[in-house]
Amino acid sequence: MRLLGRYRGTNGEIEIVECSADGTRIYFEEGIRQSQATPDGESVFSYVRLMDELLHRATNILVLGCGGGNLATRLARLGKELTVVDNNPVSFVIAQRYFGLPDGLPLIASDFRKFILDDDLLYDGIAVDVGGPDFRFDDEFDVETCDAIRARLTPGGRIVMNVLVANDIDPVPDRIAARLAGDRLAAWIIDEQGVQDRNAIIACVPEKRLNAHTALAEVMQNSLERWSIRRCRLRARDLGAMYSAADR
């Protein structure tokens, strides 16, 4: 590997290295791989392509989280109108310098929760790909935050989120999916059963049959991972009952 750059970000040291075997570049934050892509921004992770397909009907997309900018780069090249938010402004520099993020996009340095709560614009797609060392998804995406994210959607809009899953019995993706969906959207989870500490995709969408999306199925079948789609195991009213029981 060849070191291309070292930066100090809000969450710690960031290193960009290039792999001698295939020329891909890796974005490390405090030693944790956050993204890996070709120099023109094509991610090696199939979850990015899954998020892209789930957002195919959206035209005006809010992207929460930048990192290497791989998802934003892919969506921009498809002609989507984007707004990208990240609390680490150096990520924008890195994404443009090393991963092909196009110039001219609205890039906003802000905590995603503050932006969502302050913002009054509506989007027909919201992509969530935030994280980092010691990031706690269940705490960061509480009911208030998820309600605020859903409130930024136009009628018929959709939310797609990348979340880390510890194991097959981890309840976090179902809880966050139910919070994001509320009573308005159908909640689906695209997951890879049996893998420890994996990526999973939450899709909160108007469609009642996500399995019918042919292009999405093709991405799943052509990847090296064993992706599968399931409905969220919880609904918004289930969460209310859980919280009421916990308070008693």
Protein backbone atom coordinates (compact mmCIF):
# COMPACT_ATOMS: atom_id res chain seq x y z
CA MET A 1 0.00 0.00 0.00
CA ARG A 2 1.06 3.59 -0.69
CA LEU A 3 0.10 6.46 1.58
CA LEU A 4 -1.50 9.27 -0.45
CA GLY A 5 -2.49 11.64 2.32
CA ARG A 6 -2.95 12.10 6.05
CA TYR A 7 -5.48 14.50 7.57
CA ARG A 8 -6.82 15.50 10.97
CA GLY A 9 -10.60 15.24 11.03
CA THR A 10 -13.23 15.90 13.68
CA ASN A 11 -13.28 12.20 14.64
CA GLY A 12 -9.53 11.61 14.55
CA GLU A 13 -6.77 10.93 12.04
CA ILE A 14 -7.70 10.10 8.45
CA GLU A 15 -5.35 8.28 6.08
CA ILE A 16 -5.85 7.71 2.36
CA VAL A 17 -3.88 4.78 0.98
CA GLU A 18 -3.67 3.22 -2.47
CA CYS A 19 -3.61 -0.55 -2.93
CA SER A 20 -0.77 -1.67 -5.18
CA ALA A 21 -2.68 -4.79 -6.30
CA ASP A 22 -5.71 -3.12 -7.89
CA GLY A 23 -5.21 0.66 -7.60
CA THR A 24 -8.23 1.17 -5.36
CA ARG A 25 -8.01 3.74 -2.60
CA ILE A 26 -9.05 3.26 1.02
CA TYR A 27 -10.32 5.91 3.42
CA PHE A 28 -9.19 5.00 6.96
CA GLU A 29 -10.50 6.92 9.97
CA GLU A 30 -8.68 6.12 13.21
CA GLY A 31 -7.54 2.89 11.54
CA ILE A 32 -11.07 1.84 10.55
CA ARG A 33 -11.84 1.40 6.85
CA GLN A 34 -14.72 3.72 6.00
CA SER A 35 -14.72 3.38 2.22
CA GLN A 36 -12.77 1.83 -0.63
CA ALA A 37 -13.10 2.80 -4.27
CA THR A 38 -11.35 3.35 -7.57
CA PRO A 39 -9.78 6.79 -8.15
CA ASP A 40 -12.93 7.82 -10.06
CA GLY A 41 -15.14 6.95 -7.08
CA GLU A 42 -16.54 3.51 -7.98
CA SER A 43 -16.99 1.75 -4.63
CA VAL A 44 -15.88 -1.85 -4.14
CA PHE A 45 -18.77 -2.33 -1.68
CA SER A 46 -22.01 -3.68 -3.12
CA TYR A 47 -24.07 -1.92 -0.45
CA VAL A 48 -23.34 1.38 -2.25
CA ARG A 49 -24.81 -0.03 -5.48
CA LEU A 50 -27.82 -1.29 -3.52
CA MET A 51 -28.42 2.19 -2.09
CA ASP A 52 -28.09 3.63 -5.59
CA GLU A 53 -30.77 1.27 -6.96
CA LEU A 54 -33.10 1.94 -4.04
CA LEU A 55 -32.88 5.66 -4.84
CA HIS A 56 -33.41 5.25 -8.59
CA ARG A 57 -36.84 6.93 -8.53
CA ALA A 58 -35.61 9.98 -6.58
CA THR A 59 -34.31 13.07 -8.35
CA ASN A 60 -33.61 15.53 -5.50
CA ILE A 61 -31.59 13.70 -2.86
CA LEU A 62 -30.21 14.72 0.52
CA VAL A 63 -27.07 12.71 1.34
CA LEU A 64 -26.24 12.60 5.06
CA GLY A 65 -22.61 11.55 5.39
CA CYS A 66 -19.78 11.92 2.90
CA GLY A 67 -16.61 10.02 3.82
CA GLY A 68 -15.05 9.13 0.50
CA GLY A 69 -18.16 10.42 -1.26
CA ASN A 70 -18.70 7.21 -3.24
CA LEU A 71 -22.50 7.22 -3.02
CA ALA A 72 -22.74 10.93 -3.80
CA THR A 73 -20.37 10.53 -6.76
CA ARG A 74 -22.43 7.69 -8.18
CA LEU A 75 -25.72 9.54 -7.77
CA ALA A 76 -24.32 12.76 -9.25
CA ARG A 77 -23.18 10.90 -12.36
CA LEU A 78 -26.73 9.60 -12.77
CA GLY A 79 -27.94 13.18 -12.97
CA LYS A 80 -29.44 13.42 -9.49
CA GLU A 81 -29.70 16.80 -7.77
CA LEU A 82 -27.77 16.43 -4.50
CA THR A 83 -27.15 18.17 -1.20
CA VAL A 84 -24.35 16.53 0.81
CA VAL A 85 -23.97 17.02 4.57
CA ASP A 86 -21.06 15.92 6.76
CA ASN A 87 -19.77 17.14 10.11
CA ASN A 88 -16.19 16.66 8.91
CA PRO A 89 -15.43 19.28 6.23
CA VAL A 90 -12.11 17.67 5.36
CA SER A 91 -14.11 14.74 3.95
CA PHE A 92 -15.28 16.96 1.09
CA VAL A 93 -11.67 17.81 0.21
CA ILE A 94 -10.68 14.13 0.34
CA ALA A 95 -13.68 12.97 -1.71
CA GLN A 96 -12.89 15.46 -4.47
CA ARG A 97 -9.11 14.99 -4.42
CA TYR A 98 -8.92 11.20 -4.23
CA PHE A 99 -12.32 9.74 -5.14
CA GLY A 100 -13.71 11.81 -7.99
CA LEU A 101 -16.53 13.66 -6.22
CA PRO A 102 -17.71 16.21 -8.82
CA ASP A 103 -17.24 19.93 -8.27
CA GLY A 104 -20.25 22.20 -7.93
CA LEU A 105 -22.32 20.14 -5.50
CA PRO A 106 -23.79 21.83 -2.40
CA LEU A 107 -21.48 20.57 0.37
CA ILE A 108 -22.60 21.54 3.88
CA ALA A 109 -20.43 21.09 6.97
CA SER A 110 -22.86 20.32 9.78
CA ASP A 111 -23.88 17.63 12.23
CA PHE A 112 -26.58 15.69 10.40
CA ARG A 113 -29.06 16.00 13.28
CA LYS A 114 -28.66 19.77 13.51
CA PHE A 115 -29.08 20.10 9.76
CA ILE A 116 -32.22 17.96 9.72
CA LEU A 117 -33.81 19.83 12.60
CA ASP A 118 -32.96 23.25 11.13
CA ASP A 119 -33.66 22.47 7.47
CA ASP A 120 -37.05 23.28 5.95
CA LEU A 121 -36.48 21.97 2.42
CA LEU A 122 -38.08 18.78 1.15
CA TYR A 123 -36.42 15.96 -0.80
CA ASP A 124 -37.81 12.96 -2.65
CA GLY A 125 -34.87 10.86 -1.49
CA ILE A 126 -32.73 10.86 1.64
CA ALA A 127 -29.58 8.72 1.80
CA VAL A 128 -28.02 8.14 5.22
CA ASP A 129 -24.45 6.83 5.39
CA VAL A 130 -22.94 8.20 8.58
CA GLY A 131 -20.68 6.57 11.16
CA GLY A 132 -17.17 6.48 12.45
CA PRO A 133 -15.18 5.28 15.45
CA ASP A 134 -17.47 4.57 18.44
CA PHE A 135 -20.58 5.68 16.54
CA ARG A 136 -23.75 4.37 18.25
CA PHE A 137 -26.54 4.02 15.68
CA ASP A 138 -29.32 3.29 18.15
CA ASP A 139 -28.54 6.43 20.16
CA GLU A 140 -27.93 8.74 17.21
CA PHE A 141 -31.11 7.71 15.38
CA ASP A 142 -33.62 8.11 18.18
CA VAL A 143 -37.33 8.74 17.59
CA GLU A 144 -36.98 12.54 17.40
CA THR A 145 -34.16 12.36 14.84
CA CYS A 146 -35.95 9.77 12.70
CA ASP A 147 -39.18 11.78 12.77
CA ALA A 148 -37.23 14.85 11.65
CA ILE A 149 -35.62 12.94 8.78
CA ARG A 150 -39.00 11.61 7.59
CA ALA A 151 -40.47 15.13 7.83
CA ARG A 152 -38.01 16.28 5.14
CA LEU A 153 -39.58 13.94 2.55
CA THR A 154 -41.95 14.96 -0.21
CA PRO A 155 -45.06 12.76 -0.65
CA GLY A 156 -43.85 9.53 -2.25
CA GLY A 157 -40.27 10.10 -1.06
CA ARG A 158 -37.93 7.45 0.31
CA ILE A 159 -35.20 6.99 2.91
CA VAL A 160 -32.27 4.61 2.39
CA MET A 161 -29.74 4.05 5.17
CA ASN A 162 -26.57 2.05 5.66
CA VAL A 163 -26.28 0.64 9.18
CA LEU A 164 -23.76 -1.66 10.87
CA VAL A 165 -25.17 -4.91 12.28
CA ALA A 166 -23.33 -6.91 14.93
CA ASN A 167 -25.00 -10.31 14.33
CA ASP A 168 -28.25 -12.03 13.34
CA ILE A 169 -30.06 -11.13 16.58
CA ASP A 170 -29.00 -7.47 16.65
CA PRO A 171 -32.28 -5.49 17.06
CA VAL A 172 -30.84 -2.12 16.00
CA PRO A 173 -31.70 -2.17 12.25
CA ASP A 174 -35.32 -3.10 12.96
CA ARG A 175 -35.69 -0.40 15.61
CA ILE A 176 -34.22 2.31 13.38
CA ALA A 177 -36.24 1.13 10.37
CA ALA A 178 -39.48 1.33 12.35
CA ARG A 179 -38.60 4.80 13.64
CA LEU A 180 -37.75 6.08 10.15
CA ALA A 181 -40.82 4.55 8.51
CA GLY A 182 -43.37 5.73 11.07
CA ASP A 183 -46.92 5.05 9.89
CA ARG A 184 -46.19 6.47 6.45
CA LEU A 185 -43.69 4.14 4.76
CA ALA A 186 -43.03 0.44 4.35
CA ALA A 187 -39.80 -0.64 6.04
CA TRP A 188 -37.50 -3.24 4.47
CA ILE A 189 -34.05 -4.50 5.43
CA ILE A 190 -31.50 -5.88 2.96
CA ASP A 191 -29.09 -7.95 4.99
CA GLU A 192 -26.46 -10.67 4.83
CA GLN A 193 -27.34 -13.28 7.44
CA GLY A 194 -24.59 -15.11 9.29
CA VAL A 195 -21.90 -12.43 8.93
CA GLN A 196 -20.53 -10.68 12.00
CA ASP A 197 -20.22 -6.87 12.02
CA ARG A 198 -21.75 -6.38 8.58
CA ASN A 199 -23.41 -3.64 6.59
CA ALA A 200 -27.18 -3.79 6.15
CA ILE A 201 -29.45 -1.44 4.21
CA ILE A 202 -32.65 -0.01 5.62
CA ALA A 203 -35.17 1.01 2.96
CA CYS A 204 -38.22 3.03 4.01
CA VAL A 205 -40.21 3.39 0.80
CA PRO A 206 -43.77 3.77 -0.48
CA GLU A 207 -43.65 0.43 -2.34
CA LYS A 208 -45.36 -2.54 -0.74
CA ARG A 209 -43.33 -5.06 -2.79
CA LEU A 210 -39.65 -4.16 -2.78
CA ASN A 211 -38.83 -7.68 -4.01
CA ALA A 212 -40.28 -6.77 -7.42
CA HIS A 213 -37.46 -4.27 -8.14
CA THR A 214 -35.61 -6.17 -10.90
CA ALA A 215 -32.45 -4.04 -11.02
CA LEU A 216 -32.08 -4.34 -7.25
CA ALA A 217 -32.33 -8.13 -7.50
CA GLU A 218 -29.64 -8.14 -10.19
CA VAL A 219 -27.22 -6.21 -7.97
CA MET A 220 -27.86 -8.68 -5.14
CA GLN A 221 -27.37 -11.70 -7.37
CA ASN A 222 -24.21 -10.39 -9.03
CA SER A 223 -22.42 -9.45 -5.80
CA LEU A 224 -20.11 -11.72 -3.84
CA GLU A 225 -22.23 -11.28 -0.72
CA ARG A 226 -25.36 -13.30 0.09
CA TRP A 227 -27.88 -10.47 0.30
CA SER A 228 -31.52 -11.10 1.12
CA ILE A 229 -34.56 -8.84 1.58
CA ARG A 230 -36.95 -9.03 4.51
CA ARG A 231 -39.66 -6.88 6.01
CA CYS A 232 -38.84 -4.98 9.18
CA ARG A 233 -39.87 -7.02 12.22
CA LEU A 234 -41.25 -3.96 14.05
CA ARG A 235 -43.80 -1.26 13.32
CA ALA A 236 -44.00 2.25 14.74
CA ARG A 237 -46.79 1.25 17.13
CA ASP A 238 -44.66 -1.64 18.41
CA LEU A 239 -42.00 0.87 19.44
CA GLY A 240 -44.55 2.86 21.42
CA ALA A 241 -45.57 -0.26 23.31
CA MET A 242 -41.91 -1.12 24.01
CA TYR A 243 -41.17 2.32 25.41
CA SER A 244 -44.32 2.32 27.55
CA ALA A 245 -43.39 -1.06 29.02
CA ALA A 246 -39.86 0.16 29.76
CA ASP A 247 -41.22 3.18 31.65
CA ARG A 248 -43.41 1.10 33.94
